[in-house]
Amino acid sequence: MHKEELLSLHNMLMNVREYLQEHSTEADFDEYDALEITPSHTHRSKLEHKYAIFVLGNVIARAMREADNPSASRMADRMHDLAERTLKEIEVDE
């Protein structure tokens, strides 16, 4: 994926986050917030945005699972695995 596409996806996931927060789900975004990266941080690397997308996607999938959507459990696990793999890529790049 190109960086612009990642930024667009990151932005879409932020919209989902806002929706979840407005509808008072108990999703915990602390792990994502600790990254201190948003779609508007265009100066950050492609890998950093990719990692942020997977972390945010994991939180969203867990929130979906808690809202009685058991199939989201596999999605949460997959997002977690992809986030871990991307974090290793970032560490190698540094």
N, C-alpha and C. Protein backbone atom coordinates (compact mmCIF):
# COMPACT_ATOMS: atom_id res chain seq x y z
N MET A 1 0.83 -1.18 0.00
CA MET A 1 0.00 0.00 0.00
C MET A 1 0.88 1.25 0.00
N HIS A 2 0.43 2.26 -0.70
CA HIS A 2 1.14 3.52 -0.69
C HIS A 2 0.83 4.28 0.59
N LYS A 3 1.72 5.19 0.95
CA LYS A 3 1.53 5.93 2.20
C LYS A 3 0.20 6.69 2.20
N GLU A 4 -0.17 7.28 1.07
CA GLU A 4 -1.43 8.03 0.99
C GLU A 4 -2.63 7.12 1.27
N GLU A 5 -2.56 5.88 0.80
CA GLU A 5 -3.63 4.92 1.05
C GLU A 5 -3.68 4.54 2.53
N LEU A 6 -2.51 4.39 3.15
CA LEU A 6 -2.46 4.09 4.58
C LEU A 6 -3.03 5.24 5.39
N LEU A 7 -2.71 6.47 5.00
CA LEU A 7 -3.25 7.64 5.71
C LEU A 7 -4.77 7.68 5.58
N SER A 8 -5.27 7.34 4.41
CA SER A 8 -6.72 7.32 4.20
C SER A 8 -7.39 6.24 5.07
N LEU A 9 -6.79 5.06 5.11
CA LEU A 9 -7.31 3.98 5.95
C LEU A 9 -7.24 4.36 7.42
N HIS A 10 -6.14 4.95 7.81
CA HIS A 10 -5.97 5.40 9.20
C HIS A 10 -7.09 6.39 9.55
N ASN A 11 -7.37 7.29 8.64
CA ASN A 11 -8.43 8.28 8.86
C ASN A 11 -9.80 7.60 8.98
N MET A 12 -10.07 6.61 8.16
CA MET A 12 -11.35 5.89 8.23
C MET A 12 -11.50 5.18 9.57
N LEU A 13 -10.42 4.57 10.04
CA LEU A 13 -10.48 3.90 11.33
C LEU A 13 -10.68 4.90 12.47
N MET A 14 -10.14 6.09 12.32
CA MET A 14 -10.37 7.14 13.33
C MET A 14 -11.86 7.52 13.35
N ASN A 15 -12.50 7.52 12.19
CA ASN A 15 -13.94 7.79 12.13
C ASN A 15 -14.73 6.70 12.87
N VAL A 16 -14.29 5.45 12.71
CA VAL A 16 -14.94 4.35 13.43
C VAL A 16 -14.73 4.53 14.93
N ARG A 17 -13.53 4.94 15.31
CA ARG A 17 -13.23 5.19 16.73
C ARG A 17 -14.18 6.25 17.28
N GLU A 18 -14.33 7.36 16.56
CA GLU A 18 -15.23 8.43 17.01
C GLU A 18 -16.65 7.91 17.16
N TYR A 19 -17.09 7.08 16.22
CA TYR A 19 -18.43 6.50 16.30
C TYR A 19 -18.58 5.66 17.57
N LEU A 20 -17.60 4.81 17.82
CA LEU A 20 -17.65 3.96 19.01
C LEU A 20 -17.67 4.80 20.29
N GLN A 21 -16.88 5.85 20.32
CA GLN A 21 -16.85 6.70 21.51
C GLN A 21 -18.17 7.46 21.70
N GLU A 22 -18.76 7.90 20.60
CA GLU A 22 -20.04 8.61 20.70
C GLU A 22 -21.17 7.71 21.17
N HIS A 23 -21.06 6.43 20.86
CA HIS A 23 -22.11 5.49 21.23
C HIS A 23 -21.75 4.72 22.49
N SER A 24 -20.92 5.33 23.28
CA SER A 24 -20.55 4.89 24.63
C SER A 24 -20.18 3.41 24.75
N THR A 25 -19.45 2.92 23.77
CA THR A 25 -18.88 1.59 23.97
C THR A 25 -17.71 1.75 24.92
N GLU A 26 -17.32 0.69 25.52
CA GLU A 26 -16.25 0.76 26.51
C GLU A 26 -14.91 0.37 25.90
N ALA A 27 -14.70 0.72 24.64
CA ALA A 27 -13.43 0.41 23.99
C ALA A 27 -12.32 1.23 24.64
N ASP A 28 -11.21 0.57 24.88
CA ASP A 28 -10.06 1.20 25.53
C ASP A 28 -9.00 1.53 24.48
N PHE A 29 -8.86 2.80 24.18
CA PHE A 29 -7.95 3.25 23.14
C PHE A 29 -6.60 3.69 23.70
N ASP A 30 -6.28 3.34 24.94
CA ASP A 30 -5.04 3.79 25.57
C ASP A 30 -3.79 3.34 24.81
N GLU A 31 -3.79 2.10 24.33
CA GLU A 31 -2.61 1.60 23.61
C GLU A 31 -2.39 2.41 22.33
N TYR A 32 -3.47 2.68 21.61
CA TYR A 32 -3.36 3.50 20.40
C TYR A 32 -2.93 4.93 20.75
N ASP A 33 -3.57 5.51 21.76
CA ASP A 33 -3.24 6.89 22.14
C ASP A 33 -1.78 7.04 22.55
N ALA A 34 -1.21 5.99 23.16
CA ALA A 34 0.18 6.04 23.59
C ALA A 34 1.15 6.15 22.41
N LEU A 35 0.70 5.77 21.22
CA LEU A 35 1.55 5.86 20.04
C LEU A 35 1.77 7.32 19.62
N GLU A 36 0.85 8.17 20.02
CA GLU A 36 0.91 9.60 19.68
C GLU A 36 1.08 9.81 18.18
N ILE A 37 0.22 9.15 17.42
CA ILE A 37 0.21 9.30 15.96
C ILE A 37 -1.23 9.33 15.49
N THR A 38 -1.53 10.26 14.61
CA THR A 38 -2.85 10.36 14.00
C THR A 38 -2.66 10.45 12.49
N PRO A 39 -3.74 10.33 11.73
CA PRO A 39 -3.61 10.44 10.27
C PRO A 39 -3.02 11.78 9.82
N SER A 40 -3.15 12.80 10.63
CA SER A 40 -2.62 14.12 10.24
C SER A 40 -1.10 14.22 10.41
N HIS A 41 -0.50 13.24 11.05
CA HIS A 41 0.95 13.23 11.22
C HIS A 41 1.61 12.65 9.97
N THR A 42 1.54 13.39 8.89
CA THR A 42 2.04 12.90 7.60
C THR A 42 3.56 12.75 7.57
N HIS A 43 4.24 13.40 8.50
CA HIS A 43 5.70 13.30 8.56
C HIS A 43 6.18 11.97 9.14
N ARG A 44 5.27 11.25 9.78
CA ARG A 44 5.66 9.97 10.36
C ARG A 44 5.80 8.94 9.25
N SER A 45 6.55 7.90 9.50
CA SER A 45 6.86 6.91 8.46
C SER A 45 5.64 6.06 8.10
N LYS A 46 5.76 5.46 6.95
CA LYS A 46 4.73 4.54 6.47
C LYS A 46 4.55 3.38 7.45
N LEU A 47 5.67 2.85 7.95
CA LEU A 47 5.60 1.74 8.91
C LEU A 47 4.92 2.15 10.21
N GLU A 48 5.17 3.37 10.67
CA GLU A 48 4.53 3.84 11.91
C GLU A 48 3.02 3.93 11.72
N HIS A 49 2.58 4.42 10.57
CA HIS A 49 1.14 4.48 10.31
C HIS A 49 0.55 3.07 10.18
N LYS A 50 1.28 2.19 9.55
CA LYS A 50 0.83 0.81 9.41
C LYS A 50 0.64 0.18 10.79
N TYR A 51 1.60 0.39 11.66
CA TYR A 51 1.50 -0.14 13.03
C TYR A 51 0.30 0.47 13.75
N ALA A 52 0.13 1.78 13.63
CA ALA A 52 -1.00 2.45 14.28
C ALA A 52 -2.33 1.90 13.77
N ILE A 53 -2.41 1.62 12.49
CA ILE A 53 -3.64 1.06 11.90
C ILE A 53 -3.95 -0.29 12.52
N PHE A 54 -2.94 -1.15 12.67
CA PHE A 54 -3.19 -2.47 13.24
C PHE A 54 -3.55 -2.39 14.73
N VAL A 55 -2.92 -1.49 15.46
CA VAL A 55 -3.27 -1.33 16.87
C VAL A 55 -4.70 -0.81 17.00
N LEU A 56 -5.04 0.20 16.22
CA LEU A 56 -6.39 0.76 16.25
C LEU A 56 -7.41 -0.27 15.78
N GLY A 57 -7.08 -1.01 14.73
CA GLY A 57 -7.97 -2.06 14.24
C GLY A 57 -8.21 -3.13 15.28
N ASN A 58 -7.19 -3.46 16.06
CA ASN A 58 -7.33 -4.45 17.12
C ASN A 58 -8.32 -3.97 18.18
N VAL A 59 -8.20 -2.71 18.58
CA VAL A 59 -9.12 -2.15 19.59
C VAL A 59 -10.55 -2.17 19.06
N ILE A 60 -10.72 -1.78 17.81
CA ILE A 60 -12.06 -1.75 17.21
C ILE A 60 -12.63 -3.16 17.13
N ALA A 61 -11.82 -4.13 16.72
CA ALA A 61 -12.29 -5.51 16.63
C ALA A 61 -12.67 -6.06 18.00
N ARG A 62 -11.88 -5.72 19.03
CA ARG A 62 -12.24 -6.16 20.39
C ARG A 62 -13.56 -5.54 20.84
N ALA A 63 -13.78 -4.28 20.48
CA ALA A 63 -15.05 -3.62 20.83
C ALA A 63 -16.21 -4.31 20.11
N MET A 64 -15.99 -4.70 18.87
CA MET A 64 -17.03 -5.40 18.12
C MET A 64 -17.32 -6.76 18.75
N ARG A 65 -16.26 -7.45 19.19
CA ARG A 65 -16.43 -8.75 19.83
C ARG A 65 -17.27 -8.61 21.10
N GLU A 66 -16.99 -7.56 21.87
CA GLU A 66 -17.73 -7.33 23.11
C GLU A 66 -19.18 -6.96 22.85
N ALA A 67 -19.48 -6.49 21.64
CA ALA A 67 -20.85 -6.14 21.27
C ALA A 67 -21.55 -7.36 20.65
N ASP A 68 -21.21 -8.54 21.13
CA ASP A 68 -21.84 -9.79 20.69
C ASP A 68 -21.61 -10.10 19.22
N ASN A 69 -20.40 -9.90 18.78
CA ASN A 69 -20.03 -10.29 17.43
C ASN A 69 -18.82 -11.22 17.54
N PRO A 70 -19.07 -12.50 17.81
CA PRO A 70 -17.98 -13.44 18.08
C PRO A 70 -16.99 -13.59 16.93
N SER A 71 -17.41 -13.36 15.70
CA SER A 71 -16.48 -13.50 14.58
C SER A 71 -15.39 -12.43 14.62
N ALA A 72 -15.63 -11.34 15.33
CA ALA A 72 -14.63 -10.28 15.44
C ALA A 72 -13.43 -10.73 16.27
N SER A 73 -13.58 -11.80 17.02
CA SER A 73 -12.49 -12.31 17.83
C SER A 73 -11.30 -12.70 16.96
N ARG A 74 -11.57 -13.39 15.86
CA ARG A 74 -10.49 -13.77 14.94
C ARG A 74 -9.84 -12.54 14.33
N MET A 75 -10.67 -11.53 14.02
CA MET A 75 -10.14 -10.30 13.45
C MET A 75 -9.24 -9.60 14.46
N ALA A 76 -9.63 -9.56 15.71
CA ALA A 76 -8.81 -8.93 16.76
C ALA A 76 -7.48 -9.66 16.88
N ASP A 77 -7.52 -10.98 16.87
CA ASP A 77 -6.28 -11.76 16.95
C ASP A 77 -5.37 -11.49 15.76
N ARG A 78 -5.96 -11.42 14.59
CA ARG A 78 -5.17 -11.16 13.38
C ARG A 78 -4.55 -9.76 13.41
N MET A 79 -5.32 -8.77 13.84
CA MET A 79 -4.80 -7.40 13.94
C MET A 79 -3.64 -7.35 14.93
N HIS A 80 -3.78 -8.07 16.04
CA HIS A 80 -2.72 -8.12 17.04
C HIS A 80 -1.44 -8.72 16.43
N ASP A 81 -1.60 -9.83 15.71
CA ASP A 81 -0.44 -10.48 15.07
C ASP A 81 0.23 -9.55 14.06
N LEU A 82 -0.58 -8.87 13.26
CA LEU A 82 -0.02 -7.96 12.26
C LEU A 82 0.68 -6.76 12.92
N ALA A 83 0.13 -6.29 14.03
CA ALA A 83 0.76 -5.18 14.75
C ALA A 83 2.13 -5.62 15.28
N GLU A 84 2.19 -6.82 15.84
CA GLU A 84 3.46 -7.33 16.37
C GLU A 84 4.50 -7.48 15.26
N ARG A 85 4.08 -7.99 14.13
CA ARG A 85 4.99 -8.16 12.99
C ARG A 85 5.49 -6.81 12.49
N THR A 86 4.60 -5.82 12.43
CA THR A 86 4.99 -4.49 11.97
C THR A 86 5.92 -3.82 12.96
N LEU A 87 5.68 -4.01 14.25
CA LEU A 87 6.57 -3.45 15.26
C LEU A 87 7.99 -3.98 15.09
N LYS A 88 8.11 -5.26 14.78
CA LYS A 88 9.43 -5.85 14.53
C LYS A 88 10.09 -5.22 13.32
N GLU A 89 9.29 -4.92 12.27
CA GLU A 89 9.82 -4.24 11.09
C GLU A 89 10.35 -2.86 11.45
N ILE A 90 9.61 -2.16 12.29
CA ILE A 90 10.03 -0.81 12.72
C ILE A 90 11.34 -0.89 13.49
N GLU A 91 11.46 -1.87 14.38
CA GLU A 91 12.68 -2.03 15.17
C GLU A 91 13.88 -2.35 14.30
N VAL A 92 13.68 -3.13 13.25
CA VAL A 92 14.75 -3.48 12.32
C VAL A 92 15.16 -2.24 11.52
N ASP A 93 14.18 -1.42 11.15
CA ASP A 93 14.44 -0.21 10.37
C ASP A 93 15.25 0.82 11.14
N GLU A 94 15.13 0.81 12.45
CA GLU A 94 15.82 1.83 13.27
C GLU A 94 17.21 1.48 13.42
